[in-house]
Amino acid sequence: KAATQQLLEAEATQLLASAEERNGIKMIKSAFPNRDAAEI
């Protein structure tokens, strides 16, 4: 659980860094294959 939280923190940071901002909104759209719904 601790490791997963750390990975999700890192993933969130990466997604935010690569997100394009439109009209003041950072839109993050992504589809993940075979991933747990609670995790996303």
PDB file of all heavy atoms in Angstrom:
ATOM      1  N   LYS A   1       0.834  -1.200   0.000  1.00  0.00           N
ATOM      2  CA  LYS A   1       0.000   0.000   0.000  1.00  0.00           C
ATOM      3  C   LYS A   1       0.871   1.253   0.000  1.00  0.00           C
ATOM      4  O   LYS A   1       0.603   2.215  -0.742  1.00  0.00           O
ATOM      5  CB  LYS A   1      -0.910  -0.002   1.228  1.00  0.00           C
ATOM      6  CG  LYS A   1      -1.871   1.167   1.280  1.00  0.00           C
ATOM      7  CD  LYS A   1      -2.803   1.069   2.470  1.00  0.00           C
ATOM      8  CE  LYS A   1      -3.776   2.236   2.505  1.00  0.00           C
ATOM      9  NZ  LYS A   1      -4.701   2.144   3.678  1.00  0.00           N
ATOM     10  N   ALA A   2       1.927   1.246   0.821  1.00  0.00           N
ATOM     11  CA  ALA A   2       2.822   2.405   0.880  1.00  0.00           C
ATOM     12  C   ALA A   2       3.530   2.613  -0.454  1.00  0.00           C
ATOM     13  O   ALA A   2       3.649   3.744  -0.946  1.00  0.00           O
ATOM     14  CB  ALA A   2       3.839   2.213   2.004  1.00  0.00           C
ATOM     15  N   ALA A   3       3.994   1.518  -1.057  1.00  0.00           N
ATOM     16  CA  ALA A   3       4.690   1.618  -2.339  1.00  0.00           C
ATOM     17  C   ALA A   3       3.748   2.102  -3.435  1.00  0.00           C
ATOM     18  O   ALA A   3       4.125   2.915  -4.297  1.00  0.00           O
ATOM     19  CB  ALA A   3       5.292   0.261  -2.715  1.00  0.00           C
ATOM     20  N   THR A   4       2.518   1.609  -3.404  1.00  0.00           N
ATOM     21  CA  THR A   4       1.530   2.023  -4.405  1.00  0.00           C
ATOM     22  C   THR A   4       1.250   3.514  -4.294  1.00  0.00           C
ATOM     23  O   THR A   4       1.127   4.223  -5.312  1.00  0.00           O
ATOM     24  CB  THR A   4       0.231   1.213  -4.240  1.00  0.00           C
ATOM     25  OG1 THR A   4       0.511  -0.179  -4.411  1.00  0.00           O
ATOM     26  CG2 THR A   4      -0.816   1.647  -5.255  1.00  0.00           C
ATOM     27  N   GLN A   5       1.136   3.999  -3.056  1.00  0.00           N
ATOM     28  CA  GLN A   5       0.883   5.423  -2.865  1.00  0.00           C
ATOM     29  C   GLN A   5       2.034   6.265  -3.417  1.00  0.00           C
ATOM     30  O   GLN A   5       1.820   7.311  -4.052  1.00  0.00           O
ATOM     31  CB  GLN A   5       0.680   5.721  -1.374  1.00  0.00           C
ATOM     32  CG  GLN A   5      -0.609   5.165  -0.791  1.00  0.00           C
ATOM     33  CD  GLN A   5      -1.845   5.743  -1.447  1.00  0.00           C
ATOM     34  OE1 GLN A   5      -1.933   6.954  -1.696  1.00  0.00           O
ATOM     35  NE2 GLN A   5      -2.819   4.884  -1.746  1.00  0.00           N
ATOM     36  N   GLN A   6       3.249   5.801  -3.196  1.00  0.00           N
ATOM     37  CA  GLN A   6       4.409   6.531  -3.717  1.00  0.00           C
ATOM     38  C   GLN A   6       4.414   6.541  -5.243  1.00  0.00           C
ATOM     39  O   GLN A   6       4.710   7.577  -5.872  1.00  0.00           O
ATOM     40  CB  GLN A   6       5.696   5.892  -3.192  1.00  0.00           C
ATOM     41  CG  GLN A   6       5.916   6.080  -1.700  1.00  0.00           C
ATOM     42  CD  GLN A   6       7.171   5.390  -1.203  1.00  0.00           C
ATOM     43  OE1 GLN A   6       7.810   4.650  -1.944  1.00  0.00           O
ATOM     44  NE2 GLN A   6       7.524   5.627   0.054  1.00  0.00           N
ATOM     45  N   LEU A   7       4.081   5.386  -5.836  1.00  0.00           N
ATOM     46  CA  LEU A   7       4.037   5.313  -7.297  1.00  0.00           C
ATOM     47  C   LEU A   7       2.943   6.205  -7.863  1.00  0.00           C
ATOM     48  O   LEU A   7       3.137   6.866  -8.902  1.00  0.00           O
ATOM     49  CB  LEU A   7       3.818   3.861  -7.739  1.00  0.00           C
ATOM     50  CG  LEU A   7       5.012   2.923  -7.566  1.00  0.00           C
ATOM     51  CD1 LEU A   7       4.600   1.480  -7.839  1.00  0.00           C
ATOM     52  CD2 LEU A   7       6.152   3.334  -8.504  1.00  0.00           C
ATOM     53  N   LEU A   8       1.802   6.250  -7.188  1.00  0.00           N
ATOM     54  CA  LEU A   8       0.705   7.091  -7.666  1.00  0.00           C
ATOM     55  C   LEU A   8       1.062   8.571  -7.543  1.00  0.00           C
ATOM     56  O   LEU A   8       0.686   9.381  -8.403  1.00  0.00           O
ATOM     57  CB  LEU A   8      -0.575   6.775  -6.883  1.00  0.00           C
ATOM     58  CG  LEU A   8      -1.224   5.427  -7.190  1.00  0.00           C
ATOM     59  CD1 LEU A   8      -2.395   5.167  -6.247  1.00  0.00           C
ATOM     60  CD2 LEU A   8      -1.708   5.370  -8.638  1.00  0.00           C
ATOM     61  N   GLU A   9       1.776   8.913  -6.470  1.00  0.00           N
ATOM     62  CA  GLU A   9       2.230  10.301  -6.322  1.00  0.00           C
ATOM     63  C   GLU A   9       3.155  10.679  -7.489  1.00  0.00           C
ATOM     64  O   GLU A   9       3.022  11.745  -8.093  1.00  0.00           O
ATOM     65  CB  GLU A   9       2.985  10.466  -4.994  1.00  0.00           C
ATOM     66  CG  GLU A   9       2.123  10.375  -3.757  1.00  0.00           C
ATOM     67  CD  GLU A   9       1.358  11.658  -3.477  1.00  0.00           C
ATOM     68  OE1 GLU A   9       1.485  12.615  -4.273  1.00  0.00           O
ATOM     69  OE2 GLU A   9       0.610  11.691  -2.491  1.00  0.00           O
ATOM     70  N   ALA A  10       4.091   9.767  -7.793  1.00  0.00           N
ATOM     71  CA  ALA A  10       5.023  10.035  -8.894  1.00  0.00           C
ATOM     72  C   ALA A  10       4.291  10.095 -10.227  1.00  0.00           C
ATOM     73  O   ALA A  10       4.596  10.948 -11.089  1.00  0.00           O
ATOM     74  CB  ALA A  10       6.104   8.954  -8.927  1.00  0.00           C
ATOM     75  N   GLU A  11       3.318   9.197 -10.416  1.00  0.00           N
ATOM     76  CA  GLU A  11       2.561   9.186 -11.670  1.00  0.00           C
ATOM     77  C   GLU A  11       1.747  10.462 -11.818  1.00  0.00           C
ATOM     78  O   GLU A  11       1.671  11.054 -12.911  1.00  0.00           O
ATOM     79  CB  GLU A  11       1.644   7.960 -11.703  1.00  0.00           C
ATOM     80  CG  GLU A  11       0.915   7.778 -13.016  1.00  0.00           C
ATOM     81  CD  GLU A  11       0.092   6.491 -13.058  1.00  0.00           C
ATOM     82  OE1 GLU A  11      -0.023   5.824 -12.009  1.00  0.00           O
ATOM     83  OE2 GLU A  11      -0.431   6.169 -14.138  1.00  0.00           O
ATOM     84  N   ALA A  12       1.129  10.901 -10.710  1.00  0.00           N
ATOM     85  CA  ALA A  12       0.350  12.129 -10.764  1.00  0.00           C
ATOM     86  C   ALA A  12       1.233  13.326 -11.108  1.00  0.00           C
ATOM     87  O   ALA A  12       0.855  14.189 -11.923  1.00  0.00           O
ATOM     88  CB  ALA A  12      -0.350  12.355  -9.421  1.00  0.00           C
ATOM     89  N   THR A  13       2.415  13.380 -10.520  1.00  0.00           N
ATOM     90  CA  THR A  13       3.354  14.474 -10.814  1.00  0.00           C
ATOM     91  C   THR A  13       3.735  14.485 -12.291  1.00  0.00           C
ATOM     92  O   THR A  13       3.781  15.541 -12.941  1.00  0.00           O
ATOM     93  CB  THR A  13       4.610  14.324  -9.944  1.00  0.00           C
ATOM     94  OG1 THR A  13       4.236  14.393  -8.562  1.00  0.00           O
ATOM     95  CG2 THR A  13       5.624  15.415 -10.251  1.00  0.00           C
ATOM     96  N   GLN A  14       3.991  13.290 -12.839  1.00  0.00           N
ATOM     97  CA  GLN A  14       4.379  13.182 -14.247  1.00  0.00           C
ATOM     98  C   GLN A  14       3.229  13.598 -15.164  1.00  0.00           C
ATOM     99  O   GLN A  14       3.433  14.308 -16.160  1.00  0.00           O
ATOM    100  CB  GLN A  14       4.812  11.752 -14.544  1.00  0.00           C
ATOM    101  CG  GLN A  14       5.325  11.536 -15.962  1.00  0.00           C
ATOM    102  CD  GLN A  14       5.749  10.107 -16.199  1.00  0.00           C
ATOM    103  OE1 GLN A  14       5.427   9.205 -15.435  1.00  0.00           O
ATOM    104  NE2 GLN A  14       6.492   9.885 -17.280  1.00  0.00           N
ATOM    105  N   LEU A  15       2.019  13.147 -14.852  1.00  0.00           N
ATOM    106  CA  LEU A  15       0.861  13.503 -15.680  1.00  0.00           C
ATOM    107  C   LEU A  15       0.589  14.997 -15.634  1.00  0.00           C
ATOM    108  O   LEU A  15       0.258  15.617 -16.657  1.00  0.00           O
ATOM    109  CB  LEU A  15      -0.372  12.719 -15.216  1.00  0.00           C
ATOM    110  CG  LEU A  15      -0.385  11.225 -15.537  1.00  0.00           C
ATOM    111  CD1 LEU A  15      -1.544  10.543 -14.825  1.00  0.00           C
ATOM    112  CD2 LEU A  15      -0.489  11.007 -17.050  1.00  0.00           C
ATOM    113  N   LEU A  16       0.732  15.594 -14.469  1.00  0.00           N
ATOM    114  CA  LEU A  16       0.505  17.036 -14.344  1.00  0.00           C
ATOM    115  C   LEU A  16       1.560  17.821 -15.133  1.00  0.00           C
ATOM    116  O   LEU A  16       1.258  18.839 -15.773  1.00  0.00           O
ATOM    117  CB  LEU A  16       0.532  17.439 -12.872  1.00  0.00           C
ATOM    118  CG  LEU A  16      -0.690  17.042 -12.037  1.00  0.00           C
ATOM    119  CD1 LEU A  16      -0.416  17.243 -10.556  1.00  0.00           C
ATOM    120  CD2 LEU A  16      -1.912  17.835 -12.470  1.00  0.00           C
ATOM    121  N   ALA A  17       2.780  17.323 -15.089  1.00  0.00           N
ATOM    122  CA  ALA A  17       3.876  18.029 -15.787  1.00  0.00           C
ATOM    123  C   ALA A  17       3.694  18.005 -17.298  1.00  0.00           C
ATOM    124  O   ALA A  17       4.089  18.947 -18.005  1.00  0.00           O
ATOM    125  CB  ALA A  17       5.224  17.402 -15.403  1.00  0.00           C
ATOM    126  N   SER A  18       3.102  16.927 -17.819  1.00  0.00           N
ATOM    127  CA  SER A  18       2.945  16.800 -19.278  1.00  0.00           C
ATOM    128  C   SER A  18       1.592  17.285 -19.773  1.00  0.00           C
ATOM    129  O   SER A  18       1.327  17.277 -20.977  1.00  0.00           O
ATOM    130  CB  SER A  18       3.137  15.329 -19.686  1.00  0.00           C
ATOM    131  OG  SER A  18       2.174  14.507 -19.052  1.00  0.00           O
ATOM    132  N   ALA A  19       0.711  17.722 -18.868  1.00  0.00           N
ATOM    133  CA  ALA A  19      -0.634  18.133 -19.273  1.00  0.00           C
ATOM    134  C   ALA A  19      -0.612  19.506 -19.936  1.00  0.00           C
ATOM    135  O   ALA A  19       0.124  20.411 -19.508  1.00  0.00           O
ATOM    136  CB  ALA A  19      -1.557  18.161 -18.058  1.00  0.00           C
ATOM    137  N   GLU A  20      -1.420  19.652 -20.992  1.00  0.00           N
ATOM    138  CA  GLU A  20      -1.556  20.935 -21.665  1.00  0.00           C
ATOM    139  C   GLU A  20      -2.655  21.738 -20.973  1.00  0.00           C
ATOM    140  O   GLU A  20      -3.684  21.202 -20.577  1.00  0.00           O
ATOM    141  CB  GLU A  20      -1.916  20.739 -23.132  1.00  0.00           C
ATOM    142  CG  GLU A  20      -0.820  20.082 -23.957  1.00  0.00           C
ATOM    143  CD  GLU A  20      -1.195  19.999 -25.422  1.00  0.00           C
ATOM    144  OE1 GLU A  20      -2.263  20.551 -25.788  1.00  0.00           O
ATOM    145  OE2 GLU A  20      -0.441  19.390 -26.190  1.00  0.00           O
ATOM    146  N   GLU A  21      -2.422  23.045 -20.860  1.00  0.00           N
ATOM    147  CA  GLU A  21      -3.401  23.910 -20.212  1.00  0.00           C
ATOM    148  C   GLU A  21      -4.216  24.634 -21.273  1.00  0.00           C
ATOM    149  O   GLU A  21      -3.672  25.240 -22.194  1.00  0.00           O
ATOM    150  CB  GLU A  21      -2.689  24.916 -19.301  1.00  0.00           C
ATOM    151  CG  GLU A  21      -3.661  25.743 -18.480  1.00  0.00           C
ATOM    152  CD  GLU A  21      -2.957  26.570 -17.417  1.00  0.00           C
ATOM    153  OE1 GLU A  21      -1.889  26.121 -16.920  1.00  0.00           O
ATOM    154  OE2 GLU A  21      -3.468  27.643 -17.087  1.00  0.00           O
ATOM    155  N   ARG A  22      -5.557  24.532 -21.159  1.00  0.00           N
ATOM    156  CA  ARG A  22      -6.458  25.199 -22.089  1.00  0.00           C
ATOM    157  C   ARG A  22      -7.485  25.992 -21.284  1.00  0.00           C
ATOM    158  O   ARG A  22      -8.186  25.424 -20.448  1.00  0.00           O
ATOM    159  CB  ARG A  22      -7.187  24.188 -22.977  1.00  0.00           C
ATOM    160  CG  ARG A  22      -6.262  23.325 -23.822  1.00  0.00           C
ATOM    161  CD  ARG A  22      -7.074  22.279 -24.560  1.00  0.00           C
ATOM    162  NE  ARG A  22      -6.217  21.342 -25.280  1.00  0.00           N
ATOM    163  CZ  ARG A  22      -6.671  20.266 -25.925  1.00  0.00           C
ATOM    164  NH1 ARG A  22      -7.982  20.001 -25.955  1.00  0.00           N
ATOM    165  NH2 ARG A  22      -5.825  19.474 -26.548  1.00  0.00           N
ATOM    166  N   ASN A  23      -7.543  27.294 -21.556  1.00  0.00           N
ATOM    167  CA  ASN A  23      -8.481  28.169 -20.869  1.00  0.00           C
ATOM    168  C   ASN A  23      -8.355  28.056 -19.351  1.00  0.00           C
ATOM    169  O   ASN A  23      -9.359  28.030 -18.609  1.00  0.00           O
ATOM    170  CB  ASN A  23      -9.926  27.846 -21.288  1.00  0.00           C
ATOM    171  CG  ASN A  23     -10.141  28.021 -22.775  1.00  0.00           C
ATOM    172  OD1 ASN A  23      -9.594  28.958 -23.388  1.00  0.00           O
ATOM    173  ND2 ASN A  23     -10.931  27.137 -23.375  1.00  0.00           N
ATOM    174  N   GLY A  24      -7.124  27.932 -18.893  1.00  0.00           N
ATOM    175  CA  GLY A  24      -6.872  27.871 -17.458  1.00  0.00           C
ATOM    176  C   GLY A  24      -7.127  26.516 -16.837  1.00  0.00           C
ATOM    177  O   GLY A  24      -7.111  26.386 -15.610  1.00  0.00           O
ATOM    178  N   ILE A  25      -7.374  25.474 -17.664  1.00  0.00           N
ATOM    179  CA  ILE A  25      -7.664  24.137 -17.150  1.00  0.00           C
ATOM    180  C   ILE A  25      -6.612  23.168 -17.667  1.00  0.00           C
ATOM    181  O   ILE A  25      -6.308  23.128 -18.869  1.00  0.00           O
ATOM    182  CB  ILE A  25      -9.060  23.650 -17.597  1.00  0.00           C
ATOM    183  CG1 ILE A  25     -10.154  24.556 -17.020  1.00  0.00           C
ATOM    184  CG2 ILE A  25      -9.283  22.198 -17.147  1.00  0.00           C
ATOM    185  CD1 ILE A  25     -11.530  24.228 -17.526  1.00  0.00           C
ATOM    186  N   LYS A  26      -6.044  22.410 -16.759  1.00  0.00           N
ATOM    187  CA  LYS A  26      -5.170  21.313 -17.147  1.00  0.00           C
ATOM    188  C   LYS A  26      -6.017  20.055 -17.315  1.00  0.00           C
ATOM    189  O   LYS A  26      -6.550  19.520 -16.348  1.00  0.00           O
ATOM    190  CB  LYS A  26      -4.090  21.073 -16.078  1.00  0.00           C
ATOM    191  CG  LYS A  26      -2.972  22.101 -16.096  1.00  0.00           C
ATOM    192  CD  LYS A  26      -1.847  21.685 -15.158  1.00  0.00           C
ATOM    193  CE  LYS A  26      -0.671  22.649 -15.276  1.00  0.00           C
ATOM    194  NZ  LYS A  26       0.458  22.231 -14.402  1.00  0.00           N
ATOM    195  N   MET A  27      -6.134  19.631 -18.577  1.00  0.00           N
ATOM    196  CA  MET A  27      -6.961  18.460 -18.891  1.00  0.00           C
ATOM    197  C   MET A  27      -6.073  17.220 -18.966  1.00  0.00           C
ATOM    198  O   MET A  27      -5.117  17.173 -19.754  1.00  0.00           O
ATOM    199  CB  MET A  27      -7.673  18.666 -20.232  1.00  0.00           C
ATOM    200  CG  MET A  27      -8.565  17.489 -20.621  1.00  0.00           C
ATOM    201  SD  MET A  27     -10.117  17.498 -19.734  1.00  0.00           S
ATOM    202  CE  MET A  27     -10.843  18.976 -20.439  1.00  0.00           C
ATOM    203  N   ILE A  28      -6.383  16.214 -18.136  1.00  0.00           N
ATOM    204  CA  ILE A  28      -5.627  14.960 -18.150  1.00  0.00           C
ATOM    205  C   ILE A  28      -6.586  13.839 -18.529  1.00  0.00           C
ATOM    206  O   ILE A  28      -7.506  13.509 -17.785  1.00  0.00           O
ATOM    207  CB  ILE A  28      -4.982  14.674 -16.778  1.00  0.00           C
ATOM    208  CG1 ILE A  28      -4.011  15.802 -16.429  1.00  0.00           C
ATOM    209  CG2 ILE A  28      -4.280  13.323 -16.783  1.00  0.00           C
ATOM    210  CD1 ILE A  28      -3.487  15.751 -15.018  1.00  0.00           C
ATOM    211  N   LYS A  29      -6.368  13.324 -19.730  1.00  0.00           N
ATOM    212  CA  LYS A  29      -7.215  12.239 -20.231  1.00  0.00           C
ATOM    213  C   LYS A  29      -6.323  11.024 -20.488  1.00  0.00           C
ATOM    214  O   LYS A  29      -5.330  11.114 -21.208  1.00  0.00           O
ATOM    215  CB  LYS A  29      -7.919  12.650 -21.523  1.00  0.00           C
ATOM    216  CG  LYS A  29      -8.844  11.578 -22.080  1.00  0.00           C
ATOM    217  CD  LYS A  29      -9.382  11.973 -23.454  1.00  0.00           C
ATOM    218  CE  LYS A  29      -8.287  11.916 -24.512  1.00  0.00           C
ATOM    219  NZ  LYS A  29      -8.795  12.065 -25.885  1.00  0.00           N
ATOM    220  N   SER A  30      -6.718   9.894 -19.905  1.00  0.00           N
ATOM    221  CA  SER A  30      -5.863   8.713 -20.076  1.00  0.00           C
ATOM    222  C   SER A  30      -6.688   7.447 -19.862  1.00  0.00           C
ATOM    223  O   SER A  30      -7.577   7.401 -19.007  1.00  0.00           O
ATOM    224  CB  SER A  30      -4.700   8.749 -19.081  1.00  0.00           C
ATOM    225  OG  SER A  30      -3.776   7.721 -19.360  1.00  0.00           O
ATOM    226  N   ALA A  31      -6.375   6.425 -20.665  1.00  0.00           N
ATOM    227  CA  ALA A  31      -7.004   5.097 -20.531  1.00  0.00           C
ATOM    228  C   ALA A  31      -5.917   4.084 -20.200  1.00  0.00           C
ATOM    229  O   ALA A  31      -4.867   4.059 -20.844  1.00  0.00           O
ATOM    230  CB  ALA A  31      -7.726   4.711 -21.809  1.00  0.00           C
ATOM    231  N   PHE A  32      -6.180   3.260 -19.212  1.00  0.00           N
ATOM    232  CA  PHE A  32      -5.197   2.272 -18.751  1.00  0.00           C
ATOM    233  C   PHE A  32      -5.752   0.864 -18.970  1.00  0.00           C
ATOM    234  O   PHE A  32      -6.885   0.579 -18.578  1.00  0.00           O
ATOM    235  CB  PHE A  32      -4.911   2.457 -17.263  1.00  0.00           C
ATOM    236  CG  PHE A  32      -4.511   3.849 -16.879  1.00  0.00           C
ATOM    237  CD1 PHE A  32      -5.464   4.755 -16.406  1.00  0.00           C
ATOM    238  CD2 PHE A  32      -3.201   4.268 -16.990  1.00  0.00           C
ATOM    239  CE1 PHE A  32      -5.109   6.037 -16.042  1.00  0.00           C
ATOM    240  CE2 PHE A  32      -2.839   5.555 -16.620  1.00  0.00           C
ATOM    241  CZ  PHE A  32      -3.782   6.442 -16.153  1.00  0.00           C
ATOM    242  N   PRO A  33      -4.977  -0.025 -19.554  1.00  0.00           N
ATOM    243  CA  PRO A  33      -5.465  -1.395 -19.739  1.00  0.00           C
ATOM    244  C   PRO A  33      -5.355  -2.202 -18.440  1.00  0.00           C
ATOM    245  O   PRO A  33      -4.329  -2.160 -17.749  1.00  0.00           O
ATOM    246  CB  PRO A  33      -4.532  -1.968 -20.816  1.00  0.00           C
ATOM    247  CG  PRO A  33      -3.261  -1.184 -20.663  1.00  0.00           C
ATOM    248  CD  PRO A  33      -3.666   0.195 -20.215  1.00  0.00           C
ATOM    249  N   ASN A  34      -6.433  -2.893 -18.101  1.00  0.00           N
ATOM    250  CA  ASN A  34      -6.447  -3.856 -16.985  1.00  0.00           C
ATOM    251  C   ASN A  34      -5.903  -3.270 -15.688  1.00  0.00           C
ATOM    252  O   ASN A  34      -5.054  -3.848 -15.012  1.00  0.00           O
ATOM    253  CB  ASN A  34      -5.633  -5.100 -17.355  1.00  0.00           C
ATOM    254  CG  ASN A  34      -6.196  -5.823 -18.555  1.00  0.00           C
ATOM    255  OD1 ASN A  34      -7.386  -6.094 -18.622  1.00  0.00           O
ATOM    256  ND2 ASN A  34      -5.338  -6.093 -19.527  1.00  0.00           N
ATOM    257  N   ARG A  35      -6.435  -2.125 -15.324  1.00  0.00           N
ATOM    258  CA  ARG A  35      -6.001  -1.494 -14.078  1.00  0.00           C
ATOM    259  C   ARG A  35      -7.156  -1.452 -13.092  1.00  0.00           C
ATOM    260  O   ARG A  35      -8.322  -1.286 -13.474  1.00  0.00           O
ATOM    261  CB  ARG A  35      -5.490  -0.084 -14.352  1.00  0.00           C
ATOM    262  CG  ARG A  35      -4.712   0.517 -13.193  1.00  0.00           C
ATOM    263  CD  ARG A  35      -3.855   1.651 -13.667  1.00  0.00           C
ATOM    264  NE  ARG A  35      -3.080   2.244 -12.575  1.00  0.00           N
ATOM    265  CZ  ARG A  35      -2.258   3.271 -12.719  1.00  0.00           C
ATOM    266  NH1 ARG A  35      -2.104   3.814 -13.930  1.00  0.00           N
ATOM    267  NH2 ARG A  35      -1.595   3.757 -11.694  1.00  0.00           N
ATOM    268  N   ASP A  36      -6.848  -1.585 -11.818  1.00  0.00           N
ATOM    269  CA  ASP A  36      -7.874  -1.609 -10.786  1.00  0.00           C
ATOM    270  C   ASP A  36      -8.604  -0.265 -10.731  1.00  0.00           C
ATOM    271  O   ASP A  36      -7.974   0.807 -10.726  1.00  0.00           O
ATOM    272  CB  ASP A  36      -7.224  -1.915  -9.430  1.00  0.00           C
ATOM    273  CG  ASP A  36      -8.262  -2.013  -8.318  1.00  0.00           C
ATOM    274  OD1 ASP A  36      -9.051  -2.957  -8.331  1.00  0.00           O
ATOM    275  OD2 ASP A  36      -8.258  -1.122  -7.446  1.00  0.00           O
ATOM    276  N   ALA A  37      -9.934  -0.316 -10.677  1.00  0.00           N
ATOM    277  CA  ALA A  37     -10.736   0.905 -10.682  1.00  0.00           C
ATOM    278  C   ALA A  37     -10.469   1.758  -9.444  1.00  0.00           C
ATOM    279  O   ALA A  37     -10.453   2.996  -9.522  1.00  0.00           O
ATOM    280  CB  ALA A  37     -12.217   0.549 -10.770  1.00  0.00           C
ATOM    281  N   ALA A  38     -10.255   1.103  -8.299  1.00  0.00           N
ATOM    282  CA  ALA A  38      -9.973   1.858  -7.066  1.00  0.00           C
ATOM    283  C   ALA A  38      -8.659   2.612  -7.190  1.00  0.00           C
ATOM    284  O   ALA A  38      -8.506   3.727  -6.658  1.00  0.00           O
ATOM    285  CB  ALA A  38      -9.937   0.911  -5.873  1.00  0.00           C
ATOM    286  N   GLU A  39      -7.706   2.026  -7.908  1.00  0.00           N
ATOM    287  CA  GLU A  39      -6.400   2.669  -8.073  1.00  0.00           C
ATOM    288  C   GLU A  39      -6.510   3.921  -8.933  1.00  0.00           C
ATOM    289  O   GLU A  39      -5.898   4.957  -8.626  1.00  0.00           O
ATOM    290  CB  GLU A  39      -5.417   1.681  -8.688  1.00  0.00           C
ATOM    291  CG  GLU A  39      -3.986   2.160  -8.701  1.00  0.00           C
ATOM    292  CD  GLU A  39      -3.031   1.087  -9.173  1.00  0.00           C
ATOM    293  OE1 GLU A  39      -2.844   0.106  -8.429  1.00  0.00           O
ATOM    294  OE2 GLU A  39      -2.480   1.238 -10.293  1.00  0.00           O
ATOM    295  N   ILE A  40      -7.293   3.858 -10.016  1.00  0.00           N
ATOM    296  CA  ILE A  40      -7.402   5.060 -10.851  1.00  0.00           C
ATOM    297  C   ILE A  40      -8.259   6.121 -10.151  1.00  0.00           C
ATOM    298  O   ILE A  40      -8.089   7.320 -10.405  1.00  0.00           O
ATOM    299  CB  ILE A  40      -7.938   4.747 -12.266  1.00  0.00           C
ATOM    300  CG1 ILE A  40      -9.376   4.243 -12.243  1.00  0.00           C
ATOM    301  CG2 ILE A  40      -7.033   3.783 -12.994  1.00  0.00           C
ATOM    302  CD1 ILE A  40     -10.008   4.229 -13.621  1.00  0.00           C
TER     303      ILE A  40
END
